[in-house]
């Protein structure tokens, strides 16, 4: 699942210097949503190997 985010973040990282502040904020929101999902999965025990 987390490899798909790379597809979205790579073009943003390559054109970071020409994009405006609004695109930066949108990317931060995107990363924040990913982190919230990761924390949720971690707390539910979905990342445990057993």
PDB file of N, CA and C in Angstrom:
ATOM      1  N   UNK A   1       0.830  -1.196   0.000  1.00  0.00           N
ATOM      2  CA  UNK A   1       0.000   0.000   0.000  1.00  0.00           C
ATOM      3  C   UNK A   1       0.867   1.249   0.000  1.00  0.00           C
ATOM      4  N   UNK A   2       1.962   1.234   0.758  1.00  0.00           N
ATOM      5  CA  UNK A   2       2.747   2.447   0.899  1.00  0.00           C
ATOM      6  C   UNK A   2       3.648   2.731  -0.298  1.00  0.00           C
ATOM      7  N   UNK A   3       3.725   1.812  -1.245  1.00  0.00           N
ATOM      8  CA  UNK A   3       4.469   2.090  -2.470  1.00  0.00           C
ATOM      9  C   UNK A   3       3.679   2.999  -3.400  1.00  0.00           C
ATOM     10  N   UNK A   4       2.377   2.979  -3.271  1.00  0.00           N
ATOM     11  CA  UNK A   4       1.528   3.809  -4.126  1.00  0.00           C
ATOM     12  C   UNK A   4       1.727   5.292  -3.815  1.00  0.00           C
ATOM     13  N   UNK A   5       1.997   5.613  -2.559  1.00  0.00           N
ATOM     14  CA  UNK A   5       2.213   7.016  -2.204  1.00  0.00           C
ATOM     15  C   UNK A   5       3.432   7.597  -2.908  1.00  0.00           C
ATOM     16  N   UNK A   6       4.415   6.761  -3.154  1.00  0.00           N
ATOM     17  CA  UNK A   6       5.618   7.221  -3.841  1.00  0.00           C
ATOM     18  C   UNK A   6       5.280   7.738  -5.231  1.00  0.00           C
ATOM     19  N   UNK A   7       4.326   7.108  -5.875  1.00  0.00           N
ATOM     20  CA  UNK A   7       3.905   7.544  -7.212  1.00  0.00           C
ATOM     21  C   UNK A   7       3.344   8.962  -7.155  1.00  0.00           C
ATOM     22  N   UNK A   8       2.677   9.308  -6.073  1.00  0.00           N
ATOM     23  CA  UNK A   8       2.107  10.644  -5.938  1.00  0.00           C
ATOM     24  C   UNK A   8       3.117  11.662  -5.417  1.00  0.00           C
ATOM     25  N   UNK A   9       4.021  11.242  -4.543  1.00  0.00           N
ATOM     26  CA  UNK A   9       4.960  12.182  -3.932  1.00  0.00           C
ATOM     27  C   UNK A   9       6.189  12.461  -4.799  1.00  0.00           C
ATOM     28  N   UNK A  10       6.585  11.534  -5.650  1.00  0.00           N
ATOM     29  CA  UNK A  10       7.779  11.736  -6.469  1.00  0.00           C
ATOM     30  C   UNK A  10       7.647  12.923  -7.429  1.00  0.00           C
ATOM     31  N   UNK A  11       6.569  13.037  -8.198  1.00  0.00           N
ATOM     32  CA  UNK A  11       6.455  14.210  -9.080  1.00  0.00           C
ATOM     33  C   UNK A  11       6.398  15.519  -8.298  1.00  0.00           C
ATOM     34  N   UNK A  12       5.760  15.492  -7.142  1.00  0.00           N
ATOM     35  CA  UNK A  12       5.708  16.687  -6.303  1.00  0.00           C
ATOM     36  C   UNK A  12       7.117  17.077  -5.843  1.00  0.00           C
ATOM     37  N   UNK A  13       7.916  16.103  -5.458  1.00  0.00           N
ATOM     38  CA  UNK A  13       9.270  16.386  -4.994  1.00  0.00           C
ATOM     39  C   UNK A  13      10.152  16.912  -6.125  1.00  0.00           C
ATOM     40  N   UNK A  14       9.931  16.430  -7.349  1.00  0.00           N
ATOM     41  CA  UNK A  14      10.747  16.873  -8.474  1.00  0.00           C
ATOM     42  C   UNK A  14      10.418  18.301  -8.905  1.00  0.00           C
ATOM     43  N   UNK A  15       9.201  18.748  -8.682  1.00  0.00           N
ATOM     44  CA  UNK A  15       8.817  20.104  -9.093  1.00  0.00           C
ATOM     45  C   UNK A  15       8.502  20.990  -7.897  1.00  0.00           C
ATOM     46  N   UNK A  16       9.098  20.692  -6.761  1.00  0.00           N
ATOM     47  CA  UNK A  16       8.819  21.416  -5.525  1.00  0.00           C
ATOM     48  C   UNK A  16       9.140  22.903  -5.627  1.00  0.00           C
ATOM     49  N   UNK A  17      10.240  23.248  -6.291  1.00  0.00           N
ATOM     50  CA  UNK A  17      10.676  24.650  -6.326  1.00  0.00           C
ATOM     51  C   UNK A  17       9.783  25.542  -7.186  1.00  0.00           C
ATOM     52  N   UNK A  18       9.044  24.999  -8.134  1.00  0.00           N
ATOM     53  CA  UNK A  18       8.190  25.830  -8.988  1.00  0.00           C
ATOM     54  C   UNK A  18       6.730  25.845  -8.544  1.00  0.00           C
ATOM     55  N   UNK A  19       6.384  24.976  -7.607  1.00  0.00           N
ATOM     56  CA  UNK A  19       5.002  24.915  -7.136  1.00  0.00           C
ATOM     57  C   UNK A  19       4.772  25.955  -6.043  1.00  0.00           C
ATOM     58  N   UNK A  20       3.552  26.339  -5.872  1.00  0.00           N
ATOM     59  CA  UNK A  20       3.210  27.343  -4.880  1.00  0.00           C
ATOM     60  C   UNK A  20       2.998  26.759  -3.491  1.00  0.00           C
ATOM     61  N   UNK A  21       2.651  27.646  -2.588  1.00  0.00           N
ATOM     62  CA  UNK A  21       2.439  27.262  -1.200  1.00  0.00           C
ATOM     63  C   UNK A  21       1.207  26.370  -1.059  1.00  0.00           C
ATOM     64  N   UNK A  22       0.199  26.602  -1.876  1.00  0.00           N
ATOM     65  CA  UNK A  22      -1.021  25.796  -1.768  1.00  0.00           C
ATOM     66  C   UNK A  22      -0.752  24.326  -2.082  1.00  0.00           C
ATOM     67  N   UNK A  23       0.104  24.061  -3.043  1.00  0.00           N
ATOM     68  CA  UNK A  23       0.445  22.674  -3.379  1.00  0.00           C
ATOM     69  C   UNK A  23       1.256  22.047  -2.251  1.00  0.00           C
ATOM     70  N   UNK A  24       2.105  22.843  -1.611  1.00  0.00           N
ATOM     71  CA  UNK A  24       2.868  22.357  -0.464  1.00  0.00           C
ATOM     72  C   UNK A  24       1.932  21.959   0.676  1.00  0.00           C
ATOM     73  N   UNK A  25       0.927  22.776   0.931  1.00  0.00           N
ATOM     74  CA  UNK A  25      -0.045  22.478   1.989  1.00  0.00           C
ATOM     75  C   UNK A  25      -0.851  21.226   1.637  1.00  0.00           C
ATOM     76  N   UNK A  26      -1.226  21.092   0.379  1.00  0.00           N
ATOM     77  CA  UNK A  26      -1.949  19.891  -0.053  1.00  0.00           C
ATOM     78  C   UNK A  26      -1.102  18.636   0.140  1.00  0.00           C
ATOM     79  N   UNK A  27       0.188  18.721  -0.159  1.00  0.00           N
ATOM     80  CA  UNK A  27       1.071  17.572   0.029  1.00  0.00           C
ATOM     81  C   UNK A  27       1.225  17.245   1.509  1.00  0.00           C
ATOM     82  N   UNK A  28       1.285  18.263   2.349  1.00  0.00           N
ATOM     83  CA  UNK A  28       1.368  18.020   3.785  1.00  0.00           C
ATOM     84  C   UNK A  28       0.103  17.340   4.307  1.00  0.00           C
ATOM     85  N   UNK A  29      -1.044  17.754   3.811  1.00  0.00           N
ATOM     86  CA  UNK A  29      -2.302  17.113   4.206  1.00  0.00           C
ATOM     87  C   UNK A  29      -2.312  15.657   3.753  1.00  0.00           C
ATOM     88  N   UNK A  30      -1.830  15.397   2.548  1.00  0.00           N
ATOM     89  CA  UNK A  30      -1.757  14.031   2.028  1.00  0.00           C
ATOM     90  C   UNK A  30      -0.870  13.162   2.919  1.00  0.00           C
ATOM     91  N   UNK A  31       0.298  13.683   3.289  1.00  0.00           N
ATOM     92  CA  UNK A  31       1.214  12.929   4.145  1.00  0.00           C
ATOM     93  C   UNK A  31       0.605  12.743   5.533  1.00  0.00           C
ATOM     94  N   UNK A  32      -0.095  13.749   6.032  1.00  0.00           N
ATOM     95  CA  UNK A  32      -0.738  13.637   7.336  1.00  0.00           C
ATOM     96  C   UNK A  32      -1.794  12.531   7.340  1.00  0.00           C
ATOM     97  N   UNK A  33      -2.568  12.441   6.269  1.00  0.00           N
ATOM     98  CA  UNK A  33      -3.565  11.371   6.159  1.00  0.00           C
ATOM     99  C   UNK A  33      -2.876  10.006   6.147  1.00  0.00           C
ATOM    100  N   UNK A  34      -1.745   9.907   5.465  1.00  0.00           N
ATOM    101  CA  UNK A  34      -1.005   8.645   5.449  1.00  0.00           C
ATOM    102  C   UNK A  34      -0.490   8.280   6.834  1.00  0.00           C
ATOM    103  N   UNK A  35       0.014   9.262   7.557  1.00  0.00           N
ATOM    104  CA  UNK A  35       0.532   9.012   8.901  1.00  0.00           C
ATOM    105  C   UNK A  35      -0.595   8.586   9.838  1.00  0.00           C
ATOM    106  N   UNK A  36      -1.747   9.235   9.724  1.00  0.00           N
ATOM    107  CA  UNK A  36      -2.894   8.847  10.552  1.00  0.00           C
ATOM    108  C   UNK A  36      -3.292   7.404  10.254  1.00  0.00           C
ATOM    109  N   UNK A  37      -3.304   7.022   9.000  1.00  0.00           N
ATOM    110  CA  UNK A  37      -3.619   5.643   8.633  1.00  0.00           C
ATOM    111  C   UNK A  37      -2.585   4.659   9.150  1.00  0.00           C
ATOM    112  N   UNK A  38      -1.325   5.040   9.102  1.00  0.00           N
ATOM    113  CA  UNK A  38      -0.264   4.177   9.611  1.00  0.00           C
ATOM    114  C   UNK A  38      -0.385   3.988  11.116  1.00  0.00           C
ATOM    115  N   UNK A  39      -0.640   5.065  11.843  1.00  0.00           N
ATOM    116  CA  UNK A  39      -0.808   4.974  13.297  1.00  0.00           C
ATOM    117  C   UNK A  39      -2.022   4.115  13.636  1.00  0.00           C
ATOM    118  N   UNK A  40      -3.094   4.272  12.896  1.00  0.00           N
ATOM    119  CA  UNK A  40      -4.296   3.463  13.123  1.00  0.00           C
ATOM    120  C   UNK A  40      -3.994   1.977  12.927  1.00  0.00           C
ATOM    121  N   UNK A  41      -3.321   1.652  11.836  1.00  0.00           N
ATOM    122  CA  UNK A  41      -2.979   0.253  11.566  1.00  0.00           C
ATOM    123  C   UNK A  41      -2.024  -0.285  12.626  1.00  0.00           C
ATOM    124  N   UNK A  42      -1.102   0.542  13.071  1.00  0.00           N
ATOM    125  CA  UNK A  42      -0.138   0.136  14.084  1.00  0.00           C
ATOM    126  C   UNK A  42      -0.843  -0.172  15.400  1.00  0.00           C
ATOM    127  N   UNK A  43      -1.758   0.701  15.799  1.00  0.00           N
ATOM    128  CA  UNK A  43      -2.488   0.505  17.061  1.00  0.00           C
ATOM    129  C   UNK A  43      -3.431  -0.694  17.001  1.00  0.00           C
ATOM    130  N   UNK A  44      -3.965  -0.992  15.837  1.00  0.00           N
ATOM    131  CA  UNK A  44      -4.852  -2.146  15.688  1.00  0.00           C
ATOM    132  C   UNK A  44      -4.075  -3.465  15.628  1.00  0.00           C
ATOM    133  N   UNK A  45      -2.752  -3.386  15.526  1.00  0.00           N
ATOM    134  CA  UNK A  45      -1.935  -4.586  15.477  1.00  0.00           C
ATOM    135  C   UNK A  45      -1.788  -5.168  14.091  1.00  0.00           C
ATOM    136  N   UNK A  46      -2.135  -4.417  13.072  1.00  0.00           N
ATOM    137  CA  UNK A  46      -2.066  -4.922  11.703  1.00  0.00           C
ATOM    138  C   UNK A  46      -0.630  -5.067  11.203  1.00  0.00           C
ATOM    139  N   UNK A  47       0.313  -4.451  11.874  1.00  0.00           N
ATOM    140  CA  UNK A  47       1.700  -4.501  11.428  1.00  0.00           C
ATOM    141  C   UNK A  47       2.538  -5.503  12.218  1.00  0.00           C
ATOM    142  N   UNK A  48       1.901  -6.284  13.072  1.00  0.00           N
ATOM    143  CA  UNK A  48       2.613  -7.268  13.887  1.00  0.00           C
ATOM    144  C   UNK A  48       2.845  -8.550  13.088  1.00  0.00           C
ATOM    145  N   UNK A  49       4.043  -9.080  13.204  1.00  0.00           N
ATOM    146  CA  UNK A  49       4.370 -10.357  12.569  1.00  0.00           C
ATOM    147  C   UNK A  49       4.214 -11.448  13.612  1.00  0.00           C
ATOM    148  N   UNK A  50       3.421 -12.426  13.301  1.00  0.00           N
ATOM    149  CA  UNK A  50       3.263 -13.525  14.263  1.00  0.00           C
ATOM    150  C   UNK A  50       3.132 -14.859  13.553  1.00  0.00           C
TER     151      UNK A  50
END
